[in-house]
N, C-alpha and C. Protein backbone atom coordinates (compact mmCIF):
# COMPACT_ATOMS: atom_id res chain seq x y z
N MET A 1 -14.25 -6.07 -2.79
CA MET A 1 -14.98 -6.59 -3.92
C MET A 1 -16.31 -5.86 -4.03
N HIS A 2 -16.74 -5.67 -5.23
CA HIS A 2 -18.03 -5.02 -5.47
C HIS A 2 -18.82 -5.88 -6.42
N CYS A 3 -19.99 -6.27 -6.01
CA CYS A 3 -20.88 -7.06 -6.85
C CYS A 3 -22.09 -6.21 -7.22
N ASP A 4 -22.57 -6.44 -8.39
CA ASP A 4 -23.74 -5.71 -8.86
C ASP A 4 -24.96 -6.06 -8.02
N ASP A 5 -25.78 -5.07 -7.75
CA ASP A 5 -26.98 -5.28 -6.94
C ASP A 5 -28.08 -6.02 -7.70
N ARG A 6 -27.94 -6.16 -8.99
CA ARG A 6 -28.97 -6.82 -9.79
C ARG A 6 -28.68 -8.31 -9.97
N ARG A 7 -27.96 -8.89 -9.04
CA ARG A 7 -27.65 -10.31 -9.02
C ARG A 7 -26.84 -10.76 -10.22
N ALA A 8 -25.91 -9.95 -10.63
CA ALA A 8 -25.04 -10.31 -11.74
C ALA A 8 -24.06 -11.38 -11.28
N ALA A 9 -23.59 -12.16 -12.20
CA ALA A 9 -22.71 -13.28 -11.87
C ALA A 9 -21.25 -12.85 -11.80
N VAL A 10 -20.95 -11.62 -12.11
CA VAL A 10 -19.57 -11.17 -12.16
C VAL A 10 -19.30 -10.21 -11.02
N CYS A 11 -18.25 -10.49 -10.27
CA CYS A 11 -17.77 -9.56 -9.23
C CYS A 11 -16.38 -9.11 -9.63
N ALA A 12 -16.12 -7.87 -9.48
CA ALA A 12 -14.82 -7.34 -9.86
C ALA A 12 -14.20 -6.63 -8.67
N PRO A 13 -12.87 -6.79 -8.48
CA PRO A 13 -12.22 -6.07 -7.38
C PRO A 13 -12.21 -4.57 -7.68
N ARG A 14 -12.39 -3.81 -6.65
CA ARG A 14 -12.37 -2.35 -6.80
C ARG A 14 -10.98 -1.88 -6.40
N SER A 15 -10.04 -2.06 -7.31
CA SER A 15 -8.65 -1.79 -7.00
C SER A 15 -8.39 -0.34 -6.65
N ALA A 16 -9.10 0.58 -7.26
CA ALA A 16 -8.88 1.99 -6.96
C ALA A 16 -9.26 2.31 -5.53
N ALA A 17 -10.26 1.62 -5.00
CA ALA A 17 -10.70 1.87 -3.63
C ALA A 17 -9.78 1.21 -2.61
N SER A 18 -9.17 0.09 -2.97
CA SER A 18 -8.35 -0.64 -2.01
C SER A 18 -6.87 -0.28 -2.09
N PHE A 19 -6.45 0.46 -3.09
CA PHE A 19 -5.03 0.79 -3.24
C PHE A 19 -4.45 1.54 -2.05
N PRO A 20 -5.09 2.60 -1.54
CA PRO A 20 -4.50 3.30 -0.40
C PRO A 20 -4.38 2.43 0.85
N ALA A 21 -5.35 1.57 1.07
CA ALA A 21 -5.30 0.70 2.25
C ALA A 21 -4.16 -0.31 2.13
N LEU A 22 -4.04 -0.95 0.98
CA LEU A 22 -2.95 -1.91 0.78
C LEU A 22 -1.60 -1.21 0.80
N ALA A 23 -1.54 -0.02 0.24
CA ALA A 23 -0.29 0.73 0.25
C ALA A 23 0.16 1.05 1.68
N ALA A 24 -0.77 1.47 2.52
CA ALA A 24 -0.44 1.78 3.91
C ALA A 24 0.04 0.54 4.65
N ILE A 25 -0.57 -0.60 4.37
CA ILE A 25 -0.16 -1.85 5.02
C ILE A 25 1.25 -2.24 4.61
N VAL A 26 1.54 -2.15 3.31
CA VAL A 26 2.88 -2.51 2.82
C VAL A 26 3.92 -1.52 3.32
N ILE A 27 3.63 -0.23 3.28
CA ILE A 27 4.58 0.78 3.76
C ILE A 27 4.81 0.61 5.26
N GLY A 28 3.79 0.16 5.98
CA GLY A 28 3.93 -0.10 7.41
C GLY A 28 4.78 -1.31 7.73
N GLY A 29 5.11 -2.11 6.74
CA GLY A 29 6.04 -3.22 6.96
C GLY A 29 5.41 -4.59 7.04
N THR A 30 4.13 -4.71 6.76
CA THR A 30 3.49 -6.02 6.77
C THR A 30 3.64 -6.66 5.40
N ALA A 31 4.11 -7.90 5.38
CA ALA A 31 4.26 -8.62 4.12
C ALA A 31 2.90 -9.14 3.69
N LEU A 32 2.58 -8.98 2.42
CA LEU A 32 1.31 -9.46 1.92
C LEU A 32 1.32 -10.96 1.69
N SER A 33 2.46 -11.57 1.84
CA SER A 33 2.56 -13.02 1.64
C SER A 33 2.38 -13.77 2.95
N GLY A 34 1.61 -13.22 3.85
CA GLY A 34 1.33 -13.90 5.11
C GLY A 34 2.11 -13.35 6.27
N GLY A 35 2.50 -12.11 6.20
CA GLY A 35 3.27 -11.51 7.28
C GLY A 35 2.42 -11.13 8.47
N VAL A 36 3.09 -10.85 9.55
CA VAL A 36 2.41 -10.43 10.77
C VAL A 36 2.58 -8.92 10.88
N GLY A 37 1.49 -8.24 11.11
CA GLY A 37 1.54 -6.79 11.21
C GLY A 37 0.95 -6.32 12.52
N SER A 38 0.90 -5.04 12.66
CA SER A 38 0.31 -4.46 13.86
C SER A 38 -0.41 -3.18 13.47
N VAL A 39 -1.31 -2.78 14.32
CA VAL A 39 -2.07 -1.57 14.07
C VAL A 39 -1.13 -0.36 14.04
N GLY A 40 -0.18 -0.34 14.95
CA GLY A 40 0.75 0.79 15.01
C GLY A 40 1.56 0.95 13.74
N ARG A 41 2.03 -0.16 13.19
CA ARG A 41 2.81 -0.09 11.95
C ARG A 41 1.94 0.33 10.77
N THR A 42 0.68 -0.11 10.77
CA THR A 42 -0.23 0.30 9.70
C THR A 42 -0.54 1.79 9.81
N VAL A 43 -0.72 2.28 11.03
CA VAL A 43 -0.95 3.72 11.22
C VAL A 43 0.27 4.51 10.77
N LEU A 44 1.46 4.00 11.04
CA LEU A 44 2.68 4.64 10.55
C LEU A 44 2.69 4.69 9.03
N GLY A 45 2.26 3.59 8.39
CA GLY A 45 2.16 3.57 6.93
C GLY A 45 1.17 4.59 6.41
N VAL A 46 0.04 4.74 7.11
CA VAL A 46 -0.96 5.74 6.73
C VAL A 46 -0.37 7.14 6.84
N LEU A 47 0.34 7.40 7.93
CA LEU A 47 0.96 8.73 8.12
C LEU A 47 1.98 9.03 7.03
N ILE A 48 2.81 8.05 6.71
CA ILE A 48 3.83 8.24 5.66
C ILE A 48 3.15 8.53 4.33
N LEU A 49 2.13 7.74 4.00
CA LEU A 49 1.42 7.92 2.74
C LEU A 49 0.70 9.27 2.69
N THR A 50 0.14 9.71 3.81
CA THR A 50 -0.56 10.99 3.86
C THR A 50 0.41 12.16 3.70
N VAL A 51 1.53 12.09 4.39
CA VAL A 51 2.54 13.16 4.27
C VAL A 51 3.08 13.21 2.85
N LEU A 52 3.33 12.04 2.26
CA LEU A 52 3.81 12.00 0.88
C LEU A 52 2.78 12.61 -0.08
N SER A 53 1.52 12.24 0.08
CA SER A 53 0.46 12.77 -0.79
C SER A 53 0.32 14.28 -0.63
N ASN A 54 0.32 14.75 0.60
CA ASN A 54 0.20 16.19 0.84
C ASN A 54 1.40 16.95 0.28
N GLY A 55 2.58 16.40 0.46
CA GLY A 55 3.78 17.05 -0.08
C GLY A 55 3.75 17.13 -1.60
N LEU A 56 3.33 16.03 -2.24
CA LEU A 56 3.25 16.05 -3.70
C LEU A 56 2.18 17.02 -4.18
N ASN A 57 1.09 17.13 -3.45
CA ASN A 57 0.06 18.12 -3.81
C ASN A 57 0.57 19.54 -3.63
N GLN A 58 1.34 19.77 -2.57
CA GLN A 58 1.87 21.11 -2.30
C GLN A 58 2.82 21.58 -3.40
N ILE A 59 3.61 20.66 -3.95
CA ILE A 59 4.55 21.06 -5.01
C ILE A 59 3.89 21.06 -6.38
N GLY A 60 2.63 20.63 -6.44
CA GLY A 60 1.89 20.68 -7.70
C GLY A 60 2.22 19.56 -8.66
N ALA A 61 2.59 18.40 -8.14
CA ALA A 61 2.90 17.26 -9.00
C ALA A 61 1.64 16.77 -9.70
N ALA A 62 1.79 16.35 -10.94
CA ALA A 62 0.66 15.83 -11.71
C ALA A 62 0.20 14.50 -11.11
N ASP A 63 -1.04 14.13 -11.41
CA ASP A 63 -1.61 12.91 -10.85
C ASP A 63 -0.80 11.67 -11.21
N TYR A 64 -0.40 11.56 -12.49
CA TYR A 64 0.36 10.39 -12.90
C TYR A 64 1.73 10.35 -12.22
N THR A 65 2.32 11.50 -11.98
CA THR A 65 3.60 11.56 -11.28
C THR A 65 3.43 11.10 -9.83
N GLN A 66 2.35 11.52 -9.19
CA GLN A 66 2.08 11.09 -7.82
C GLN A 66 1.90 9.58 -7.75
N THR A 67 1.18 9.02 -8.73
CA THR A 67 0.97 7.57 -8.74
C THR A 67 2.28 6.83 -8.92
N ILE A 68 3.14 7.32 -9.78
CA ILE A 68 4.45 6.67 -9.99
C ILE A 68 5.29 6.74 -8.73
N ILE A 69 5.35 7.89 -8.09
CA ILE A 69 6.16 8.05 -6.88
C ILE A 69 5.62 7.17 -5.76
N LYS A 70 4.31 7.15 -5.58
CA LYS A 70 3.72 6.29 -4.54
C LYS A 70 3.99 4.83 -4.84
N GLY A 71 3.91 4.45 -6.10
CA GLY A 71 4.22 3.07 -6.48
C GLY A 71 5.66 2.70 -6.17
N LEU A 72 6.58 3.62 -6.44
CA LEU A 72 7.99 3.36 -6.13
C LEU A 72 8.22 3.22 -4.63
N VAL A 73 7.54 4.04 -3.84
CA VAL A 73 7.65 3.94 -2.39
C VAL A 73 7.14 2.59 -1.91
N ILE A 74 6.05 2.12 -2.50
CA ILE A 74 5.50 0.82 -2.12
C ILE A 74 6.46 -0.30 -2.49
N VAL A 75 7.06 -0.22 -3.68
CA VAL A 75 8.01 -1.25 -4.10
C VAL A 75 9.22 -1.26 -3.17
N VAL A 76 9.74 -0.10 -2.82
CA VAL A 76 10.89 -0.04 -1.91
C VAL A 76 10.52 -0.61 -0.54
N ALA A 77 9.34 -0.28 -0.05
CA ALA A 77 8.90 -0.82 1.25
C ALA A 77 8.75 -2.33 1.18
N ALA A 78 8.22 -2.84 0.08
CA ALA A 78 8.07 -4.30 -0.07
C ALA A 78 9.43 -4.99 -0.13
N VAL A 79 10.38 -4.38 -0.81
CA VAL A 79 11.73 -4.96 -0.89
C VAL A 79 12.38 -4.99 0.50
N PHE A 80 12.25 -3.92 1.25
CA PHE A 80 12.80 -3.90 2.61
C PHE A 80 12.12 -4.93 3.50
N THR A 81 10.82 -5.10 3.35
CA THR A 81 10.10 -6.10 4.15
C THR A 81 10.58 -7.50 3.80
N MET A 82 10.73 -7.77 2.50
CA MET A 82 11.21 -9.08 2.07
C MET A 82 12.63 -9.34 2.57
N ALA A 83 13.47 -8.32 2.50
CA ALA A 83 14.85 -8.46 2.96
C ALA A 83 14.90 -8.73 4.46
N SER A 84 14.07 -8.06 5.22
CA SER A 84 14.08 -8.26 6.67
C SER A 84 13.54 -9.65 7.02
N GLN A 85 12.58 -10.15 6.27
CA GLN A 85 12.06 -11.49 6.52
C GLN A 85 13.11 -12.54 6.19
N ARG A 86 13.87 -12.34 5.16
CA ARG A 86 14.93 -13.30 4.80
C ARG A 86 16.00 -13.35 5.89
N LYS A 87 16.30 -12.20 6.47
CA LYS A 87 17.28 -12.18 7.56
C LYS A 87 16.78 -13.01 8.73
N LEU A 88 15.49 -12.91 9.03
CA LEU A 88 14.92 -13.67 10.14
C LEU A 88 14.91 -15.17 9.83
N ILE A 89 14.68 -15.53 8.60
CA ILE A 89 14.64 -16.93 8.22
C ILE A 89 16.04 -17.53 8.23
N VAL A 90 17.04 -16.78 7.77
CA VAL A 90 18.41 -17.29 7.67
C VAL A 90 19.01 -17.53 9.05
N LYS A 91 18.68 -16.70 10.02
CA LYS A 91 19.29 -16.82 11.35
C LYS A 91 18.98 -18.10 12.00
């Protein structure tokens, strides 16, 4: 969150600044709905996201294309996390 230094009454989330951090957490397998994570899994998410970003930069993908691909990777990771949690609950 970022609040104005002039004592403004409005605080706005800085989504652009927090997107990579949340993406790494989700890709690492931590559920945002109260899941349990670990530092190792988050570091794995950071590595995956970094390799993906570097690869997309190497092939010269446009910024909007990179955002779409990263978003799809996050959605797939979230679906796998939800599916694995359901398996644990059903057992």
